[in-house]
């Protein structure tokens, strides 16, 4: 079997996690990672055996002066790859697209970019097939990924008419919280709907979804509250069965001590997840409430990890290495340990 040759441009919060995830896939080879920094962050690839490239030729001298061993420049990395995953900061990826198109290499961008950059937005369980063989796609943001996953699970079970969600968004990524963020305040997004609802519709235009969001002074993860209208009365067990049908939704219980987002992150560390990563949507099953045809639930989103399995699946779709979305999802899940914990497994 021919392995997919993958390049990662940008070795930050998402890029380093994507690189780690590619490295454990049995059908992929990580060609290398590219970046522009010359500090401790650029020293990490060497500790994992990853080749480091200079994303900008003007930054190469500074990187070499800092003692970094470079395998070449961005052009060299792209020439050796079948596909590039752009994990550079917001709006930079959009500028890199011209380079990728000129070189004829498939590429993936992430949720910081607009849908129009690729004309396709991706969540594996919702629209894998539509990405097969494309030259590019956009893996949507962490919040949008969680919205599409959960609402798709309800939709596939015939339990979704409309959904209204309130998002409590972390203020900044943990590693850079010393540089900025908010303290002693809450900052509402100025418009309703917030951008996540329309973004979810870029993946599934049939979703009747409206979101509201507020930025809160913490950095661990996002917290969502949802009110869903179902087409009929349903039982709690029926709703939980719909969520269990998704391998990327993990049902957790407050009764097990998982009463806040920090406790869930601590469990990820104890499970040995790389970077304490929660790849799944962690949805509280004992909080979930059904009142006739109304459904209420809440869940946690790890903003640094949830898009990683989606990115791996997008690689297979674009390169046509796997046409069956369920097969790719299963393969990714196995490699990353996705779906390895649920409320039930914690009580066995």
Protein backbone atom coordinates (compact mmCIF):
# COMPACT_ATOMS: atom_id res chain seq x y z
CA UNK A 1 0.00 0.00 0.00
CA UNK A 2 1.35 3.38 -1.00
CA UNK A 3 1.55 5.80 1.90
CA UNK A 4 0.20 9.35 1.64
CA UNK A 5 3.03 11.86 1.89
CA UNK A 6 1.86 14.68 4.16
CA UNK A 7 3.42 18.09 4.80
CA UNK A 8 2.38 20.41 7.64
CA UNK A 9 2.86 24.15 7.20
CA UNK A 10 2.74 25.84 10.60
CA UNK A 11 3.83 24.09 13.80
CA UNK A 12 1.66 25.85 16.36
CA UNK A 13 -1.29 24.76 18.48
CA UNK A 14 -3.00 22.82 15.67
CA UNK A 15 0.02 22.07 13.50
CA UNK A 16 1.96 20.15 16.13
CA UNK A 17 -1.09 18.06 16.96
CA UNK A 18 -1.76 17.35 13.28
CA UNK A 19 1.87 16.31 12.81
CA UNK A 20 1.68 13.93 15.79
CA UNK A 21 -1.58 12.47 14.45
CA UNK A 22 -0.19 11.95 10.94
CA UNK A 23 2.87 10.24 12.41
CA UNK A 24 0.79 7.47 14.02
CA UNK A 25 -1.31 6.70 10.92
CA UNK A 26 -0.29 3.45 9.26
CA UNK A 27 -1.09 4.76 5.78
CA UNK A 28 0.66 8.14 6.00
CA UNK A 29 4.22 9.47 6.08
CA UNK A 30 5.00 12.87 7.56
CA UNK A 31 7.37 14.59 5.11
CA UNK A 32 8.07 17.39 7.58
CA UNK A 33 6.83 20.56 9.21
CA UNK A 34 7.48 24.17 8.25
CA UNK A 35 7.54 27.27 10.44
CA UNK A 36 9.15 30.68 10.82
CA UNK A 37 9.98 30.85 14.54
CA UNK A 38 13.45 30.30 15.98
CA UNK A 39 12.61 29.73 19.65
CA UNK A 40 11.84 26.60 21.71
CA UNK A 41 8.80 25.74 19.59
CA UNK A 42 10.95 25.06 16.54
CA UNK A 43 13.18 22.74 18.57
CA UNK A 44 10.34 20.34 19.28
CA UNK A 45 10.11 18.68 15.82
CA UNK A 46 13.67 17.35 16.14
CA UNK A 47 12.81 15.65 19.44
CA UNK A 48 10.18 13.64 17.54
CA UNK A 49 12.27 12.95 14.48
CA UNK A 50 10.33 15.36 12.26
CA UNK A 51 12.16 17.23 9.50
CA UNK A 52 11.97 21.03 9.91
CA UNK A 53 11.65 23.40 6.96
CA UNK A 54 11.70 27.19 6.78
CA UNK A 55 8.25 28.38 5.73
CA UNK A 56 9.71 31.74 4.66
CA UNK A 57 13.18 31.91 3.04
CA UNK A 58 13.80 35.23 4.76
CA UNK A 59 13.49 33.49 8.13
CA UNK A 60 15.92 30.68 7.32
CA UNK A 61 19.10 32.55 8.40
CA UNK A 62 17.64 33.41 11.81
CA UNK A 63 16.51 29.83 12.30
CA UNK A 64 19.92 28.49 11.39
CA UNK A 65 21.65 31.06 13.59
CA UNK A 66 19.55 29.73 16.46
CA UNK A 67 21.06 26.32 15.85
CA UNK A 68 18.11 24.77 14.08
CA UNK A 69 18.83 22.15 11.44
CA UNK A 70 16.73 22.85 8.36
CA UNK A 71 15.85 20.26 5.73
CA UNK A 72 15.14 23.06 3.25
CA UNK A 73 12.48 25.62 2.46
CA UNK A 74 8.74 25.41 1.94
CA UNK A 75 9.14 24.69 -1.77
CA UNK A 76 11.34 21.68 -0.97
CA UNK A 77 8.78 20.30 1.47
CA UNK A 78 5.87 20.75 -0.93
CA UNK A 79 7.80 19.08 -3.76
CA UNK A 80 8.09 15.90 -1.68
CA UNK A 81 4.46 15.80 -0.53
CA UNK A 82 1.10 14.67 -1.90
CA UNK A 83 -0.85 17.08 0.30
CA UNK A 84 -0.16 19.99 2.63
CA UNK A 85 -2.06 20.82 5.81
CA UNK A 86 -1.92 24.56 6.40
CA UNK A 87 -1.95 25.26 10.14
CA UNK A 88 -0.62 28.81 9.95
CA UNK A 89 -2.35 31.66 11.81
CA UNK A 90 -5.66 33.08 10.67
CA UNK A 91 -5.63 34.75 7.23
CA UNK A 92 -2.06 33.62 6.45
CA UNK A 93 -3.35 30.32 5.07
CA UNK A 94 -5.57 32.19 2.61
CA UNK A 95 -2.46 33.91 1.25
CA UNK A 96 -0.65 30.58 0.94
CA UNK A 97 -3.37 29.11 -1.26
CA UNK A 98 -2.00 30.70 -4.41
CA UNK A 99 1.30 28.92 -3.82
CA UNK A 100 -0.40 25.56 -3.35
CA UNK A 101 -2.53 25.98 -6.45
CA UNK A 102 0.43 27.00 -8.59
CA UNK A 103 2.32 23.90 -7.46
CA UNK A 104 -0.69 21.68 -8.05
CA UNK A 105 -0.66 20.22 -4.56
CA UNK A 106 -3.79 19.34 -2.63
CA UNK A 107 -4.29 21.34 0.54
CA UNK A 108 -6.34 21.65 3.70
CA UNK A 109 -6.97 24.85 5.64
CA UNK A 110 -8.73 25.26 8.97
CA UNK A 111 -11.65 27.16 10.45
CA UNK A 112 -9.87 30.48 10.78
CA UNK A 113 -10.29 30.87 7.03
CA UNK A 114 -13.50 31.61 5.16
CA UNK A 115 -15.50 28.92 3.38
CA UNK A 116 -14.82 30.71 0.09
CA UNK A 117 -11.08 29.94 0.32
CA UNK A 118 -11.75 26.33 -0.73
CA UNK A 119 -15.47 26.31 -1.56
CA UNK A 120 -15.86 23.25 0.66
CA UNK A 121 -16.11 22.83 4.42
CA UNK A 122 -15.56 19.46 6.08
CA UNK A 123 -16.79 17.39 9.00
CA UNK A 124 -16.13 13.70 8.48
CA UNK A 125 -19.40 12.23 9.76
CA UNK A 126 -21.48 14.75 7.82
CA UNK A 127 -19.97 15.15 4.36
CA UNK A 128 -16.90 12.96 3.84
CA UNK A 129 -18.06 11.73 0.44
CA UNK A 130 -18.33 15.24 -1.01
CA UNK A 131 -14.63 15.83 -0.30
CA UNK A 132 -13.33 12.72 -2.06
CA UNK A 133 -10.98 13.71 -4.89
CA UNK A 134 -11.23 17.47 -4.35
CA UNK A 135 -8.08 19.56 -4.56
CA UNK A 136 -8.83 21.30 -1.25
CA UNK A 137 -11.13 21.58 1.73
CA UNK A 138 -11.53 23.55 4.92
CA UNK A 139 -11.78 21.68 8.21
CA UNK A 140 -14.18 23.91 10.14
CA UNK A 141 -13.47 25.43 13.53
CA UNK A 142 -13.58 23.58 16.83
CA UNK A 143 -17.01 24.93 17.79
CA UNK A 144 -18.48 24.33 14.35
CA UNK A 145 -17.11 20.78 14.32
CA UNK A 146 -18.88 20.05 17.59
CA UNK A 147 -22.13 21.57 16.35
CA UNK A 148 -22.16 19.53 13.15
CA UNK A 149 -21.21 16.32 14.95
CA UNK A 150 -23.97 16.56 17.54
CA UNK A 151 -26.72 17.89 15.29
CA UNK A 152 -25.85 15.35 12.58
CA UNK A 153 -26.25 12.56 15.14
CA UNK A 154 -29.74 13.84 15.98
CA UNK A 155 -30.59 14.42 12.32
CA UNK A 156 -29.57 10.90 11.31
CA UNK A 157 -31.82 9.53 14.06
CA UNK A 158 -34.77 11.62 12.86
CA UNK A 159 -34.72 13.74 16.02
CA UNK A 160 -33.89 17.21 14.69
CA UNK A 161 -36.11 20.06 13.54
CA UNK A 162 -34.24 23.11 14.81
CA UNK A 163 -31.45 23.92 17.26
CA UNK A 164 -30.52 26.99 19.29
CA UNK A 165 -27.20 27.11 21.07
CA UNK A 166 -25.32 29.35 23.51
CA UNK A 167 -21.55 29.07 23.40
CA UNK A 168 -19.24 30.00 26.27
CA UNK A 169 -15.95 30.50 24.46
CA UNK A 170 -12.50 30.34 25.98
CA UNK A 171 -10.65 33.65 25.82
CA UNK A 172 -7.38 32.47 24.28
CA UNK A 173 -5.23 29.37 23.83
CA UNK A 174 -3.59 28.21 27.08
CA UNK A 175 0.00 28.51 25.87
CA UNK A 176 -0.35 32.21 25.04
CA UNK A 177 -2.61 33.33 27.88
CA UNK A 178 0.29 35.42 29.25
CA UNK A 179 0.11 37.56 26.11
CA UNK A 180 -3.55 38.52 26.11
CA UNK A 181 -7.10 37.51 26.81
CA UNK A 182 -9.74 38.89 29.13
CA UNK A 183 -9.93 39.15 32.92
CA UNK A 184 -12.85 39.93 35.21
CA UNK A 185 -15.36 40.37 32.41
CA UNK A 186 -17.54 38.57 29.86
CA UNK A 187 -17.57 39.70 26.22
CA UNK A 188 -20.66 38.87 24.16
CA UNK A 189 -20.31 38.51 20.41
CA UNK A 190 -21.98 41.62 18.97
CA UNK A 191 -24.37 39.83 16.63
CA UNK A 192 -26.94 37.05 16.76
CA UNK A 193 -26.45 34.60 15.22
CA UNK A 194 -22.78 34.29 16.08
CA UNK A 195 -20.69 33.02 13.19
CA UNK A 196 -20.72 29.35 14.23
CA UNK A 197 -24.33 28.72 13.15
CA UNK A 198 -23.89 29.93 9.56
CA UNK A 199 -20.55 28.11 9.49
CA UNK A 200 -22.26 24.83 10.38
CA UNK A 201 -24.63 25.46 7.46
CA UNK A 202 -21.61 25.63 5.15
CA UNK A 203 -21.19 21.91 5.90
CA UNK A 204 -24.91 21.03 5.98
CA UNK A 205 -27.15 23.75 4.46
CA UNK A 206 -30.27 21.96 5.76
CA UNK A 207 -29.47 22.62 9.42
CA UNK A 208 -31.89 25.00 11.15
CA UNK A 209 -29.43 26.34 13.69
CA UNK A 210 -28.88 29.66 15.47
CA UNK A 211 -25.98 30.33 17.83
CA UNK A 212 -25.15 32.96 20.41
CA UNK A 213 -21.69 33.28 21.91
CA UNK A 214 -19.87 34.96 24.77
CA UNK A 215 -16.15 35.01 25.48
CA UNK A 216 -15.30 34.03 29.07
CA UNK A 217 -12.08 34.51 31.13
CA UNK A 218 -10.65 30.98 30.97
CA UNK A 219 -8.47 29.08 28.51
CA UNK A 220 -9.16 25.35 28.94
CA UNK A 221 -12.04 24.71 26.52
CA UNK A 222 -15.43 25.83 25.25
CA UNK A 223 -18.78 24.97 26.83
CA UNK A 224 -22.02 24.73 24.80
CA UNK A 225 -25.66 24.74 25.92
CA UNK A 226 -28.26 23.59 23.38
CA UNK A 227 -32.03 23.64 23.07
CA UNK A 228 -33.34 21.42 20.27
CA UNK A 229 -36.82 21.04 18.85
CA UNK A 230 -37.53 17.46 17.79
CA UNK A 231 -40.21 16.39 15.27
CA UNK A 232 -41.99 14.32 17.92
CA UNK A 233 -41.85 13.32 21.54
CA UNK A 234 -38.88 11.13 22.35
CA UNK A 235 -37.40 9.44 25.38
CA UNK A 236 -34.06 10.28 26.94
CA UNK A 237 -32.81 6.80 26.10
CA UNK A 238 -33.66 7.37 22.42
CA UNK A 239 -31.73 10.63 22.36
CA UNK A 240 -28.73 9.06 24.12
CA UNK A 241 -28.76 6.21 21.60
CA UNK A 242 -28.57 8.78 18.79
CA UNK A 243 -25.52 10.40 20.36
CA UNK A 244 -23.89 7.02 21.05
CA UNK A 245 -24.15 6.22 17.34
CA UNK A 246 -21.38 8.77 16.76
CA UNK A 247 -17.94 7.47 17.68
CA UNK A 248 -16.79 11.05 18.19
CA UNK A 249 -19.29 11.99 20.88
CA UNK A 250 -18.31 10.76 24.35
CA UNK A 251 -21.06 10.62 26.94
CA UNK A 252 -19.79 11.57 30.39
CA UNK A 253 -21.42 11.91 33.80
CA UNK A 254 -21.23 14.50 36.52
CA UNK A 255 -21.93 11.61 38.88
CA UNK A 256 -18.47 10.25 38.00
CA UNK A 257 -16.82 13.45 39.19
CA UNK A 258 -16.62 14.94 35.72
CA UNK A 259 -18.43 18.05 36.86
CA UNK A 260 -16.39 20.71 35.04
CA UNK A 261 -14.15 21.13 32.01
CA UNK A 262 -10.94 20.99 34.07
CA UNK A 263 -11.85 17.55 35.43
CA UNK A 264 -12.40 16.23 31.91
CA UNK A 265 -9.01 17.60 30.84
CA UNK A 266 -7.42 15.95 33.87
CA UNK A 267 -8.93 12.63 32.85
CA UNK A 268 -7.44 13.04 29.36
CA UNK A 269 -4.03 13.46 30.97
CA UNK A 270 -4.56 10.36 33.11
CA UNK A 271 -5.57 8.41 30.01
CA UNK A 272 -2.23 9.36 28.44
CA UNK A 273 -3.70 11.41 25.61
CA UNK A 274 -1.03 13.50 23.82
CA UNK A 275 -1.29 17.12 25.02
CA UNK A 276 -4.27 16.04 27.20
CA UNK A 277 -6.27 16.01 23.96
CA UNK A 278 -10.03 15.51 24.01
CA UNK A 279 -10.79 14.60 20.41
CA UNK A 280 -14.44 13.84 21.14
CA UNK A 281 -17.35 16.07 22.07
CA UNK A 282 -17.76 15.37 25.81
CA UNK A 283 -21.52 15.50 26.42
CA UNK A 284 -23.02 15.21 29.92
CA UNK A 285 -25.62 12.42 29.76
CA UNK A 286 -26.91 12.91 33.30
CA UNK A 287 -27.57 16.62 32.63
CA UNK A 288 -29.43 15.94 29.38
CA UNK A 289 -33.17 16.65 29.65
CA UNK A 290 -36.10 15.75 27.41
CA UNK A 291 -39.47 17.50 27.77
CA UNK A 292 -41.88 16.15 25.19
CA UNK A 293 -40.47 17.24 21.84
CA UNK A 294 -37.87 19.53 23.42
CA UNK A 295 -34.29 18.49 24.15
CA UNK A 296 -31.72 20.27 26.33
CA UNK A 297 -28.07 19.31 26.73
CA UNK A 298 -24.56 20.66 27.30
CA UNK A 299 -21.09 19.60 26.23
CA UNK A 300 -17.42 20.50 26.27
CA UNK A 301 -15.22 21.26 23.25
CA UNK A 302 -11.41 20.99 23.38
CA UNK A 303 -10.53 23.82 21.02
CA UNK A 304 -7.00 22.49 20.48
CA UNK A 305 -7.88 18.89 19.69
CA UNK A 306 -11.35 18.29 18.26
CA UNK A 307 -10.38 19.10 14.65
CA UNK A 308 -7.40 16.73 14.60
CA UNK A 309 -9.26 13.52 13.66
CA UNK A 310 -11.28 15.49 11.10
CA UNK A 311 -8.05 16.67 9.48
CA UNK A 312 -6.75 13.12 9.20
CA UNK A 313 -9.97 12.00 7.52
CA UNK A 314 -9.82 14.98 5.16
CA UNK A 315 -6.36 13.87 4.06
CA UNK A 316 -7.70 10.49 2.99
CA UNK A 317 -10.72 12.01 1.26
CA UNK A 318 -8.78 14.53 -0.82
CA UNK A 319 -6.09 12.06 -1.86
CA UNK A 320 -8.72 9.40 -2.65
CA UNK A 321 -6.88 6.97 -0.41
CA UNK A 322 -10.24 5.95 1.06
CA UNK A 323 -13.64 6.56 -0.53
CA UNK A 324 -15.61 5.18 2.41
CA UNK A 325 -15.96 7.78 5.15
CA UNK A 326 -16.86 5.25 7.84
CA UNK A 327 -13.73 3.23 7.06
CA UNK A 328 -11.51 6.31 7.32
CA UNK A 329 -13.18 7.40 10.56
CA UNK A 330 -12.66 3.95 12.08
CA UNK A 331 -9.02 3.93 11.04
CA UNK A 332 -8.37 7.40 12.45
CA UNK A 333 -10.20 6.58 15.66
CA UNK A 334 -8.12 3.46 16.20
CA UNK A 335 -4.83 5.29 15.67
CA UNK A 336 -5.76 8.16 18.01
CA UNK A 337 -7.73 6.21 20.60
CA UNK A 338 -10.91 8.12 19.80
CA UNK A 339 -13.98 6.60 21.41
CA UNK A 340 -11.89 4.75 23.99
CA UNK A 341 -13.82 6.18 26.93
CA UNK A 342 -17.50 6.68 27.69
CA UNK A 343 -19.61 7.00 30.80
CA UNK A 344 -20.08 3.23 30.70
CA UNK A 345 -16.38 2.36 30.51
CA UNK A 346 -15.64 4.57 33.51
CA UNK A 347 -17.97 2.51 35.68
CA UNK A 348 -16.82 -0.97 34.62
